[in-house]
Amino acid sequence: MPTGFFLIFGVVLFFIIFAAVRLAVEPLIQNNQITSLKSDLSFLNDIGVLENKEYKSIKRTVEKKQENENKQKQIDKYSVILEELKEEGIISEEAYEDKINKLETYYLGD
């Protein structure tokens, strides 16, 4: 086999592995940033820069934001599935809209 084939194969394999590792590590980095923020807030509270009321309020805000982001990710994930079902003709437009409303109600409430 020619050397060019192995070179191209190696480059393609490198990019596949690189993309897989990047996709696997990215959520861990984002989760680590949130953990780091909570740790930094805790430190500021411990040394007296933040009062307990401020610390608890900020911590609740950060946790609420993280929870809302997670809920939105779930909605987006399931919306894609429902969209594909609608495009394939498995569910009608009306059923799709009804299911999207149920999904948003489940995750977001009213």
PDB file of N, CA and C in Angstrom:
ATOM      1  N   MET A   1       0.850  -1.181   0.000  1.00  0.00           N
ATOM      2  CA  MET A   1       0.000   0.000   0.000  1.00  0.00           C
ATOM      3  C   MET A   1       0.892   1.240   0.000  1.00  0.00           C
ATOM      4  N   PRO A   2       0.423   2.277  -0.658  1.00  0.00           N
ATOM      5  CA  PRO A   2       1.245   3.486  -0.745  1.00  0.00           C
ATOM      6  C   PRO A   2       1.319   4.209   0.598  1.00  0.00           C
ATOM      7  N   THR A   3       2.396   4.935   0.766  1.00  0.00           N
ATOM      8  CA  THR A   3       2.631   5.683   2.000  1.00  0.00           C
ATOM      9  C   THR A   3       1.576   6.773   2.190  1.00  0.00           C
ATOM     10  N   GLY A   4       1.111   7.361   1.102  1.00  0.00           N
ATOM     11  CA  GLY A   4       0.095   8.410   1.168  1.00  0.00           C
ATOM     12  C   GLY A   4      -1.189   7.933   1.820  1.00  0.00           C
ATOM     13  N   PHE A   5      -1.551   6.678   1.582  1.00  0.00           N
ATOM     14  CA  PHE A   5      -2.754   6.113   2.197  1.00  0.00           C
ATOM     15  C   PHE A   5      -2.625   6.105   3.713  1.00  0.00           C
ATOM     16  N   PHE A   6      -1.470   5.654   4.213  1.00  0.00           N
ATOM     17  CA  PHE A   6      -1.268   5.596   5.659  1.00  0.00           C
ATOM     18  C   PHE A   6      -1.230   6.989   6.271  1.00  0.00           C
ATOM     19  N   LEU A   7      -0.673   7.924   5.553  1.00  0.00           N
ATOM     20  CA  LEU A   7      -0.620   9.298   6.043  1.00  0.00           C
ATOM     21  C   LEU A   7      -2.034   9.882   6.154  1.00  0.00           C
ATOM     22  N   ILE A   8      -2.825   9.712   5.116  1.00  0.00           N
ATOM     23  CA  ILE A   8      -4.203  10.216   5.141  1.00  0.00           C
ATOM     24  C   ILE A   8      -5.014   9.493   6.205  1.00  0.00           C
ATOM     25  N   PHE A   9      -4.842   8.188   6.305  1.00  0.00           N
ATOM     26  CA  PHE A   9      -5.550   7.404   7.313  1.00  0.00           C
ATOM     27  C   PHE A   9      -5.177   7.887   8.718  1.00  0.00           C
ATOM     28  N   GLY A  10      -3.915   8.152   8.946  1.00  0.00           N
ATOM     29  CA  GLY A  10      -3.450   8.639  10.250  1.00  0.00           C
ATOM     30  C   GLY A  10      -4.038   9.986  10.607  1.00  0.00           C
ATOM     31  N   VAL A  11      -4.094  10.881   9.623  1.00  0.00           N
ATOM     32  CA  VAL A  11      -4.648  12.216   9.875  1.00  0.00           C
ATOM     33  C   VAL A  11      -6.136  12.118  10.183  1.00  0.00           C
ATOM     34  N   VAL A  12      -6.865  11.325   9.411  1.00  0.00           N
ATOM     35  CA  VAL A  12      -8.298  11.152   9.645  1.00  0.00           C
ATOM     36  C   VAL A  12      -8.537  10.531  11.018  1.00  0.00           C
ATOM     37  N   LEU A  13      -7.761   9.521  11.362  1.00  0.00           N
ATOM     38  CA  LEU A  13      -7.894   8.874  12.665  1.00  0.00           C
ATOM     39  C   LEU A  13      -7.607   9.858  13.794  1.00  0.00           C
ATOM     40  N   PHE A  14      -6.598  10.704  13.614  1.00  0.00           N
ATOM     41  CA  PHE A  14      -6.271  11.714  14.621  1.00  0.00           C
ATOM     42  C   PHE A  14      -7.461  12.637  14.857  1.00  0.00           C
ATOM     43  N   PHE A  15      -8.073  13.144  13.783  1.00  0.00           N
ATOM     44  CA  PHE A  15      -9.192  14.067  13.935  1.00  0.00           C
ATOM     45  C   PHE A  15     -10.411  13.396  14.565  1.00  0.00           C
ATOM     46  N   ILE A  16     -10.633  12.153  14.261  1.00  0.00           N
ATOM     47  CA  ILE A  16     -11.750  11.430  14.879  1.00  0.00           C
ATOM     48  C   ILE A  16     -11.521  11.290  16.379  1.00  0.00           C
ATOM     49  N   ILE A  17     -10.335  10.906  16.762  1.00  0.00           N
ATOM     50  CA  ILE A  17     -10.017  10.749  18.192  1.00  0.00           C
ATOM     51  C   ILE A  17     -10.068  12.104  18.892  1.00  0.00           C
ATOM     52  N   PHE A  18      -9.515  13.136  18.256  1.00  0.00           N
ATOM     53  CA  PHE A  18      -9.515  14.472  18.833  1.00  0.00           C
ATOM     54  C   PHE A  18     -10.942  14.952  19.099  1.00  0.00           C
ATOM     55  N   ALA A  19     -11.827  14.781  18.108  1.00  0.00           N
ATOM     56  CA  ALA A  19     -13.212  15.215  18.262  1.00  0.00           C
ATOM     57  C   ALA A  19     -13.922  14.436  19.364  1.00  0.00           C
ATOM     58  N   ALA A  20     -13.671  13.136  19.436  1.00  0.00           N
ATOM     59  CA  ALA A  20     -14.314  12.308  20.463  1.00  0.00           C
ATOM     60  C   ALA A  20     -13.873  12.729  21.860  1.00  0.00           C
ATOM     61  N   VAL A  21     -12.603  12.953  22.033  1.00  0.00           N
ATOM     62  CA  VAL A  21     -12.093  13.359  23.350  1.00  0.00           C
ATOM     63  C   VAL A  21     -12.620  14.735  23.719  1.00  0.00           C
ATOM     64  N   ARG A  22     -12.641  15.630  22.759  1.00  0.00           N
ATOM     65  CA  ARG A  22     -13.134  16.981  23.032  1.00  0.00           C
ATOM     66  C   ARG A  22     -14.599  16.957  23.461  1.00  0.00           C
ATOM     67  N   LEU A  23     -15.415  16.175  22.760  1.00  0.00           N
ATOM     68  CA  LEU A  23     -16.833  16.073  23.119  1.00  0.00           C
ATOM     69  C   LEU A  23     -17.017  15.438  24.495  1.00  0.00           C
ATOM     70  N   ALA A  24     -16.143  14.509  24.851  1.00  0.00           N
ATOM     71  CA  ALA A  24     -16.258  13.841  26.147  1.00  0.00           C
ATOM     72  C   ALA A  24     -15.814  14.741  27.294  1.00  0.00           C
ATOM     73  N   VAL A  25     -14.830  15.591  27.063  1.00  0.00           N
ATOM     74  CA  VAL A  25     -14.249  16.400  28.133  1.00  0.00           C
ATOM     75  C   VAL A  25     -14.997  17.712  28.353  1.00  0.00           C
ATOM     76  N   GLU A  26     -15.623  18.251  27.319  1.00  0.00           N
ATOM     77  CA  GLU A  26     -16.275  19.558  27.426  1.00  0.00           C
ATOM     78  C   GLU A  26     -17.306  19.646  28.551  1.00  0.00           C
ATOM     79  N   PRO A  27     -18.222  18.674  28.721  1.00  0.00           N
ATOM     80  CA  PRO A  27     -19.172  18.772  29.836  1.00  0.00           C
ATOM     81  C   PRO A  27     -18.483  18.739  31.204  1.00  0.00           C
ATOM     82  N   LEU A  28     -17.388  18.020  31.295  1.00  0.00           N
ATOM     83  CA  LEU A  28     -16.663  17.965  32.563  1.00  0.00           C
ATOM     84  C   LEU A  28     -16.051  19.316  32.904  1.00  0.00           C
ATOM     85  N   ILE A  29     -15.558  20.011  31.893  1.00  0.00           N
ATOM     86  CA  ILE A  29     -14.975  21.333  32.116  1.00  0.00           C
ATOM     87  C   ILE A  29     -16.047  22.305  32.570  1.00  0.00           C
ATOM     88  N   GLN A  30     -17.211  22.279  31.929  1.00  0.00           N
ATOM     89  CA  GLN A  30     -18.298  23.179  32.316  1.00  0.00           C
ATOM     90  C   GLN A  30     -18.760  22.889  33.740  1.00  0.00           C
ATOM     91  N   ASN A  31     -18.875  21.622  34.100  1.00  0.00           N
ATOM     92  CA  ASN A  31     -19.275  21.240  35.453  1.00  0.00           C
ATOM     93  C   ASN A  31     -18.219  21.695  36.458  1.00  0.00           C
ATOM     94  N   ASN A  32     -16.958  21.595  36.090  1.00  0.00           N
ATOM     95  CA  ASN A  32     -15.870  22.004  36.962  1.00  0.00           C
ATOM     96  C   ASN A  32     -15.909  23.514  37.201  1.00  0.00           C
ATOM     97  N   GLN A  33     -16.296  24.298  36.193  1.00  0.00           N
ATOM     98  CA  GLN A  33     -16.390  25.740  36.357  1.00  0.00           C
ATOM     99  C   GLN A  33     -17.460  26.100  37.375  1.00  0.00           C
ATOM    100  N   ILE A  34     -18.573  25.404  37.366  1.00  0.00           N
ATOM    101  CA  ILE A  34     -19.643  25.660  38.335  1.00  0.00           C
ATOM    102  C   ILE A  34     -19.175  25.289  39.733  1.00  0.00           C
ATOM    103  N   THR A  35     -18.510  24.140  39.851  1.00  0.00           N
ATOM    104  CA  THR A  35     -17.981  23.715  41.145  1.00  0.00           C
ATOM    105  C   THR A  35     -16.959  24.724  41.652  1.00  0.00           C
ATOM    106  N   SER A  36     -16.127  25.226  40.757  1.00  0.00           N
ATOM    107  CA  SER A  36     -15.118  26.214  41.125  1.00  0.00           C
ATOM    108  C   SER A  36     -15.783  27.506  41.608  1.00  0.00           C
ATOM    109  N   LEU A  37     -16.842  27.931  40.939  1.00  0.00           N
ATOM    110  CA  LEU A  37     -17.552  29.138  41.359  1.00  0.00           C
ATOM    111  C   LEU A  37     -18.132  28.964  42.754  1.00  0.00           C
ATOM    112  N   LYS A  38     -18.733  27.821  43.017  1.00  0.00           N
ATOM    113  CA  LYS A  38     -19.282  27.557  44.349  1.00  0.00           C
ATOM    114  C   LYS A  38     -18.180  27.553  45.396  1.00  0.00           C
ATOM    115  N   SER A  39     -17.050  26.983  45.055  1.00  0.00           N
ATOM    116  CA  SER A  39     -15.910  26.936  45.976  1.00  0.00           C
ATOM    117  C   SER A  39     -15.391  28.349  46.246  1.00  0.00           C
ATOM    118  N   ASP A  40     -15.311  29.171  45.190  1.00  0.00           N
ATOM    119  CA  ASP A  40     -14.850  30.553  45.361  1.00  0.00           C
ATOM    120  C   ASP A  40     -15.814  31.349  46.234  1.00  0.00           C
ATOM    121  N   LEU A  41     -17.103  31.155  46.024  1.00  0.00           N
ATOM    122  CA  LEU A  41     -18.090  31.847  46.856  1.00  0.00           C
ATOM    123  C   LEU A  41     -17.974  31.418  48.311  1.00  0.00           C
ATOM    124  N   SER A  42     -17.771  30.139  48.523  1.00  0.00           N
ATOM    125  CA  SER A  42     -17.613  29.619  49.872  1.00  0.00           C
ATOM    126  C   SER A  42     -16.379  30.231  50.541  1.00  0.00           C
ATOM    127  N   PHE A  43     -15.298  30.341  49.787  1.00  0.00           N
ATOM    128  CA  PHE A  43     -14.077  30.950  50.330  1.00  0.00           C
ATOM    129  C   PHE A  43     -14.326  32.403  50.720  1.00  0.00           C
ATOM    130  N   LEU A  44     -15.005  33.153  49.837  1.00  0.00           N
ATOM    131  CA  LEU A  44     -15.297  34.554  50.148  1.00  0.00           C
ATOM    132  C   LEU A  44     -16.179  34.671  51.392  1.00  0.00           C
ATOM    133  N   ASN A  45     -17.074  33.725  51.565  1.00  0.00           N
ATOM    134  CA  ASN A  45     -17.907  33.713  52.756  1.00  0.00           C
ATOM    135  C   ASN A  45     -17.062  33.391  53.994  1.00  0.00           C
ATOM    136  N   ASP A  46     -16.168  32.430  53.862  1.00  0.00           N
ATOM    137  CA  ASP A  46     -15.336  32.007  54.993  1.00  0.00           C
ATOM    138  C   ASP A  46     -14.420  33.118  55.498  1.00  0.00           C
ATOM    139  N   ILE A  47     -13.899  33.940  54.579  1.00  0.00           N
ATOM    140  CA  ILE A  47     -12.981  34.997  55.017  1.00  0.00           C
ATOM    141  C   ILE A  47     -13.711  36.296  55.363  1.00  0.00           C
ATOM    142  N   GLY A  48     -15.029  36.287  55.261  1.00  0.00           N
ATOM    143  CA  GLY A  48     -15.815  37.434  55.700  1.00  0.00           C
ATOM    144  C   GLY A  48     -16.085  38.482  54.639  1.00  0.00           C
ATOM    145  N   VAL A  49     -15.715  38.226  53.406  1.00  0.00           N
ATOM    146  CA  VAL A  49     -15.995  39.186  52.343  1.00  0.00           C
ATOM    147  C   VAL A  49     -17.496  39.213  52.044  1.00  0.00           C
ATOM    148  N   LEU A  50     -18.112  38.037  52.035  1.00  0.00           N
ATOM    149  CA  LEU A  50     -19.560  37.935  51.856  1.00  0.00           C
ATOM    150  C   LEU A  50     -20.209  37.598  53.192  1.00  0.00           C
ATOM    151  N   GLU A  51     -21.325  38.236  53.460  1.00  0.00           N
ATOM    152  CA  GLU A  51     -22.092  37.883  54.646  1.00  0.00           C
ATOM    153  C   GLU A  51     -22.881  36.615  54.340  1.00  0.00           C
ATOM    154  N   ASN A  52     -23.324  35.936  55.379  1.00  0.00           N
ATOM    155  CA  ASN A  52     -24.046  34.680  55.190  1.00  0.00           C
ATOM    156  C   ASN A  52     -25.292  34.850  54.311  1.00  0.00           C
ATOM    157  N   LYS A  53     -26.043  35.945  54.531  1.00  0.00           N
ATOM    158  CA  LYS A  53     -27.239  36.177  53.722  1.00  0.00           C
ATOM    159  C   LYS A  53     -26.876  36.351  52.254  1.00  0.00           C
ATOM    160  N   GLU A  54     -25.808  37.136  51.999  1.00  0.00           N
ATOM    161  CA  GLU A  54     -25.379  37.340  50.612  1.00  0.00           C
ATOM    162  C   GLU A  54     -24.923  36.020  49.988  1.00  0.00           C
ATOM    163  N   TYR A  55     -24.150  35.274  50.740  1.00  0.00           N
ATOM    164  CA  TYR A  55     -23.624  33.997  50.248  1.00  0.00           C
ATOM    165  C   TYR A  55     -24.759  33.041  49.886  1.00  0.00           C
ATOM    166  N   LYS A  56     -25.726  32.915  50.790  1.00  0.00           N
ATOM    167  CA  LYS A  56     -26.841  32.002  50.537  1.00  0.00           C
ATOM    168  C   LYS A  56     -27.671  32.461  49.339  1.00  0.00           C
ATOM    169  N   SER A  57     -27.882  33.754  49.220  1.00  0.00           N
ATOM    170  CA  SER A  57     -28.653  34.294  48.102  1.00  0.00           C
ATOM    171  C   SER A  57     -27.934  34.043  46.772  1.00  0.00           C
ATOM    172  N   ILE A  58     -26.645  34.310  46.731  1.00  0.00           N
ATOM    173  CA  ILE A  58     -25.868  34.102  45.507  1.00  0.00           C
ATOM    174  C   ILE A  58     -25.805  32.619  45.177  1.00  0.00           C
ATOM    175  N   LYS A  59     -25.612  31.792  46.185  1.00  0.00           N
ATOM    176  CA  LYS A  59     -25.535  30.345  45.961  1.00  0.00           C
ATOM    177  C   LYS A  59     -26.856  29.824  45.382  1.00  0.00           C
ATOM    178  N   ARG A  60     -27.976  30.294  45.949  1.00  0.00           N
ATOM    179  CA  ARG A  60     -29.293  29.889  45.422  1.00  0.00           C
ATOM    180  C   ARG A  60     -29.467  30.332  43.976  1.00  0.00           C
ATOM    181  N   THR A  61     -29.013  31.539  43.666  1.00  0.00           N
ATOM    182  CA  THR A  61     -29.118  32.060  42.300  1.00  0.00           C
ATOM    183  C   THR A  61     -28.306  31.211  41.331  1.00  0.00           C
ATOM    184  N   VAL A  62     -27.087  30.860  41.717  1.00  0.00           N
ATOM    185  CA  VAL A  62     -26.226  30.033  40.865  1.00  0.00           C
ATOM    186  C   VAL A  62     -26.843  28.653  40.668  1.00  0.00           C
ATOM    187  N   GLU A  63     -27.350  28.055  41.748  1.00  0.00           N
ATOM    188  CA  GLU A  63     -27.964  26.729  41.647  1.00  0.00           C
ATOM    189  C   GLU A  63     -29.223  26.767  40.791  1.00  0.00           C
ATOM    190  N   LYS A  64     -30.015  27.834  40.940  1.00  0.00           N
ATOM    191  CA  LYS A  64     -31.237  27.979  40.148  1.00  0.00           C
ATOM    192  C   LYS A  64     -30.891  28.136  38.670  1.00  0.00           C
ATOM    193  N   LYS A  65     -29.860  28.916  38.378  1.00  0.00           N
ATOM    194  CA  LYS A  65     -29.432  29.100  36.995  1.00  0.00           C
ATOM    195  C   LYS A  65     -28.966  27.777  36.403  1.00  0.00           C
ATOM    196  N   GLN A  66     -28.196  27.018  37.167  1.00  0.00           N
ATOM    197  CA  GLN A  66     -27.721  25.719  36.697  1.00  0.00           C
ATOM    198  C   GLN A  66     -28.897  24.766  36.470  1.00  0.00           C
ATOM    199  N   GLU A  67     -29.851  24.780  37.361  1.00  0.00           N
ATOM    200  CA  GLU A  67     -31.030  23.923  37.229  1.00  0.00           C
ATOM    201  C   GLU A  67     -31.835  24.290  35.985  1.00  0.00           C
ATOM    202  N   ASN A  68     -32.012  25.589  35.747  1.00  0.00           N
ATOM    203  CA  ASN A  68     -32.748  26.039  34.561  1.00  0.00           C
ATOM    204  C   ASN A  68     -32.024  25.659  33.273  1.00  0.00           C
ATOM    205  N   GLU A  69     -30.686  25.758  33.282  1.00  0.00           N
ATOM    206  CA  GLU A  69     -29.916  25.362  32.105  1.00  0.00           C
ATOM    207  C   GLU A  69     -30.064  23.866  31.846  1.00  0.00           C
ATOM    208  N   ASN A  70     -30.046  23.078  32.902  1.00  0.00           N
ATOM    209  CA  ASN A  70     -30.215  21.632  32.742  1.00  0.00           C
ATOM    210  C   ASN A  70     -31.609  21.296  32.209  1.00  0.00           C
ATOM    211  N   LYS A  71     -32.627  21.984  32.718  1.00  0.00           N
ATOM    212  CA  LYS A  71     -33.989  21.758  32.232  1.00  0.00           C
ATOM    213  C   LYS A  71     -34.103  22.123  30.752  1.00  0.00           C
ATOM    214  N   GLN A  72     -33.488  23.246  30.367  1.00  0.00           N
ATOM    215  CA  GLN A  72     -33.553  23.663  28.974  1.00  0.00           C
ATOM    216  C   GLN A  72     -32.827  22.673  28.067  1.00  0.00           C
ATOM    217  N   LYS A  73     -31.726  22.109  28.537  1.00  0.00           N
ATOM    218  CA  LYS A  73     -31.017  21.088  27.756  1.00  0.00           C
ATOM    219  C   LYS A  73     -31.905  19.869  27.542  1.00  0.00           C
ATOM    220  N   GLN A  74     -32.646  19.473  28.565  1.00  0.00           N
ATOM    221  CA  GLN A  74     -33.545  18.331  28.438  1.00  0.00           C
ATOM    222  C   GLN A  74     -34.674  18.642  27.456  1.00  0.00           C
ATOM    223  N   ILE A  75     -35.239  19.847  27.558  1.00  0.00           N
ATOM    224  CA  ILE A  75     -36.297  20.242  26.635  1.00  0.00           C
ATOM    225  C   ILE A  75     -35.776  20.216  25.203  1.00  0.00           C
ATOM    226  N   ASP A  76     -34.593  20.766  24.991  1.00  0.00           N
ATOM    227  CA  ASP A  76     -34.007  20.791  23.647  1.00  0.00           C
ATOM    228  C   ASP A  76     -33.774  19.374  23.127  1.00  0.00           C
ATOM    229  N   LYS A  77     -33.284  18.508  23.993  1.00  0.00           N
ATOM    230  CA  LYS A  77     -33.005  17.119  23.606  1.00  0.00           C
ATOM    231  C   LYS A  77     -34.277  16.414  23.145  1.00  0.00           C
ATOM    232  N   TYR A  78     -35.327  16.513  23.930  1.00  0.00           N
ATOM    233  CA  TYR A  78     -36.569  15.828  23.599  1.00  0.00           C
ATOM    234  C   TYR A  78     -37.320  16.520  22.467  1.00  0.00           C
ATOM    235  N   SER A  79     -37.139  17.825  22.328  1.00  0.00           N
ATOM    236  CA  SER A  79     -37.771  18.547  21.222  1.00  0.00           C
ATOM    237  C   SER A  79     -37.233  18.073  19.880  1.00  0.00           C
ATOM    238  N   VAL A  80     -35.935  17.787  19.841  1.00  0.00           N
ATOM    239  CA  VAL A  80     -35.330  17.279  18.606  1.00  0.00           C
ATOM    240  C   VAL A  80     -35.964  15.947  18.228  1.00  0.00           C
ATOM    241  N   ILE A  81     -36.159  15.080  19.206  1.00  0.00           N
ATOM    242  CA  ILE A  81     -36.779  13.778  18.945  1.00  0.00           C
ATOM    243  C   ILE A  81     -38.198  13.961  18.421  1.00  0.00           C
ATOM    244  N   LEU A  82     -38.963  14.831  19.070  1.00  0.00           N
ATOM    245  CA  LEU A  82     -40.336  15.071  18.635  1.00  0.00           C
ATOM    246  C   LEU A  82     -40.380  15.701  17.238  1.00  0.00           C
ATOM    247  N   GLU A  83     -39.432  16.586  16.973  1.00  0.00           N
ATOM    248  CA  GLU A  83     -39.350  17.205  15.646  1.00  0.00           C
ATOM    249  C   GLU A  83     -39.104  16.146  14.568  1.00  0.00           C
ATOM    250  N   GLU A  84     -38.221  15.205  14.849  1.00  0.00           N
ATOM    251  CA  GLU A  84     -37.944  14.135  13.891  1.00  0.00           C
ATOM    252  C   GLU A  84     -39.175  13.251  13.681  1.00  0.00           C
ATOM    253  N   LEU A  85     -39.892  12.972  14.758  1.00  0.00           N
ATOM    254  CA  LEU A  85     -41.124  12.178  14.625  1.00  0.00           C
ATOM    255  C   LEU A  85     -42.153  12.897  13.761  1.00  0.00           C
ATOM    256  N   LYS A  86     -42.237  14.225  13.930  1.00  0.00           N
ATOM    257  CA  LYS A  86     -43.166  15.020  13.135  1.00  0.00           C
ATOM    258  C   LYS A  86     -42.743  15.009  11.666  1.00  0.00           C
ATOM    259  N   GLU A  87     -41.456  15.181  11.406  1.00  0.00           N
ATOM    260  CA  GLU A  87     -40.959  15.203  10.029  1.00  0.00           C
ATOM    261  C   GLU A  87     -41.134  13.853   9.338  1.00  0.00           C
ATOM    262  N   GLU A  88     -41.075  12.781  10.091  1.00  0.00           N
ATOM    263  CA  GLU A  88     -41.259  11.447   9.520  1.00  0.00           C
ATOM    264  C   GLU A  88     -42.738  11.110   9.318  1.00  0.00           C
ATOM    265  N   GLY A  89     -43.609  11.981   9.816  1.00  0.00           N
ATOM    266  CA  GLY A  89     -45.039  11.756   9.660  1.00  0.00           C
ATOM    267  C   GLY A  89     -45.622  10.819  10.698  1.00  0.00           C
ATOM    268  N   ILE A  90     -44.856  10.511  11.723  1.00  0.00           N
ATOM    269  CA  ILE A  90     -45.326   9.603  12.772  1.00  0.00           C
ATOM    270  C   ILE A  90     -46.334  10.299  13.671  1.00  0.00           C
ATOM    271  N   ILE A  91     -46.098  11.591  13.920  1.00  0.00           N
ATOM    272  CA  ILE A  91     -47.075  12.368  14.682  1.00  0.00           C
ATOM    273  C   ILE A  91     -47.477  13.583  13.852  1.00  0.00           C
ATOM    274  N   SER A  92     -48.694  14.072  14.067  1.00  0.00           N
ATOM    275  CA  SER A  92     -49.190  15.221  13.312  1.00  0.00           C
ATOM    276  C   SER A  92     -48.653  16.515  13.923  1.00  0.00           C
ATOM    277  N   GLU A  93     -48.868  17.611  13.212  1.00  0.00           N
ATOM    278  CA  GLU A  93     -48.454  18.931  13.691  1.00  0.00           C
ATOM    279  C   GLU A  93     -49.149  19.271  15.011  1.00  0.00           C
ATOM    280  N   GLU A  94     -50.436  18.948  15.099  1.00  0.00           N
ATOM    281  CA  GLU A  94     -51.189  19.243  16.326  1.00  0.00           C
ATOM    282  C   GLU A  94     -50.677  18.400  17.489  1.00  0.00           C
ATOM    283  N   ALA A  95     -50.409  17.124  17.221  1.00  0.00           N
ATOM    284  CA  ALA A  95     -49.882  16.251  18.269  1.00  0.00           C
ATOM    285  C   ALA A  95     -48.499  16.713  18.699  1.00  0.00           C
ATOM    286  N   TYR A  96     -47.705  17.167  17.740  1.00  0.00           N
ATOM    287  CA  TYR A  96     -46.364  17.684  18.043  1.00  0.00           C
ATOM    288  C   TYR A  96     -46.457  18.883  18.984  1.00  0.00           C
ATOM    289  N   GLU A  97     -47.301  19.828  18.644  1.00  0.00           N
ATOM    290  CA  GLU A  97     -47.455  21.023  19.481  1.00  0.00           C
ATOM    291  C   GLU A  97     -47.953  20.662  20.872  1.00  0.00           C
ATOM    292  N   ASP A  98     -48.885  19.720  20.947  1.00  0.00           N
ATOM    293  CA  ASP A  98     -49.400  19.269  22.237  1.00  0.00           C
ATOM    294  C   ASP A  98     -48.291  18.627  23.074  1.00  0.00           C
ATOM    295  N   LYS A  99     -47.483  17.810  22.440  1.00  0.00           N
ATOM    296  CA  LYS A  99     -46.398  17.125  23.153  1.00  0.00           C
ATOM    297  C   LYS A  99     -45.312  18.104  23.596  1.00  0.00           C
ATOM    298  N   ILE A 100     -45.026  19.108  22.770  1.00  0.00           N
ATOM    299  CA  ILE A 100     -44.058  20.142  23.153  1.00  0.00           C
ATOM    300  C   ILE A 100     -44.581  20.915  24.360  1.00  0.00           C
ATOM    301  N   ASN A 101     -45.867  21.245  24.350  1.00  0.00           N
ATOM    302  CA  ASN A 101     -46.463  21.954  25.493  1.00  0.00           C
ATOM    303  C   ASN A 101     -46.387  21.114  26.760  1.00  0.00           C
ATOM    304  N   LYS A 102     -46.668  19.814  26.642  1.00  0.00           N
ATOM    305  CA  LYS A 102     -46.573  18.923  27.802  1.00  0.00           C
ATOM    306  C   LYS A 102     -45.145  18.848  28.314  1.00  0.00           C
ATOM    307  N   LEU A 103     -44.197  18.788  27.386  1.00  0.00           N
ATOM    308  CA  LEU A 103     -42.788  18.719  27.752  1.00  0.00           C
ATOM    309  C   LEU A 103     -42.359  19.978  28.503  1.00  0.00           C
ATOM    310  N   GLU A 104     -42.732  21.135  27.987  1.00  0.00           N
ATOM    311  CA  GLU A 104     -42.381  22.387  28.656  1.00  0.00           C
ATOM    312  C   GLU A 104     -43.083  22.526  29.993  1.00  0.00           C
ATOM    313  N   THR A 105     -44.329  22.086  30.080  1.00  0.00           N
ATOM    314  CA  THR A 105     -45.042  22.115  31.353  1.00  0.00           C
ATOM    315  C   THR A 105     -44.364  21.228  32.379  1.00  0.00           C
ATOM    316  N   TYR A 106     -43.915  20.059  31.935  1.00  0.00           N
ATOM    317  CA  TYR A 106     -43.257  19.115  32.849  1.00  0.00           C
ATOM    318  C   TYR A 106     -41.976  19.728  33.416  1.00  0.00           C
ATOM    319  N   TYR A 107     -41.161  20.329  32.564  1.00  0.00           N
ATOM    320  CA  TYR A 107     -39.877  20.861  33.023  1.00  0.00           C
ATOM    321  C   TYR A 107     -39.951  22.267  33.601  1.00  0.00           C
ATOM    322  N   LEU A 108     -40.840  23.102  33.078  1.00  0.00           N
ATOM    323  CA  LEU A 108     -40.866  24.501  33.496  1.00  0.00           C
ATOM    324  C   LEU A 108     -42.083  24.867  34.322  1.00  0.00           C
ATOM    325  N   GLY A 109     -43.043  24.006  34.416  1.00  0.00           N
ATOM    326  CA  GLY A 109     -44.274  24.332  35.129  1.00  0.00           C
ATOM    327  C   GLY A 109     -45.179  25.115  34.213  1.00  0.00           C
ATOM    328  N   ASP A 110     -46.011  25.972  34.781  1.00  0.00           N
ATOM    329  CA  ASP A 110     -46.965  26.747  33.965  1.00  0.00           C
ATOM    330  C   ASP A 110     -46.209  27.519  32.979  1.00  0.00           C
TER     331      ASP A 110
END
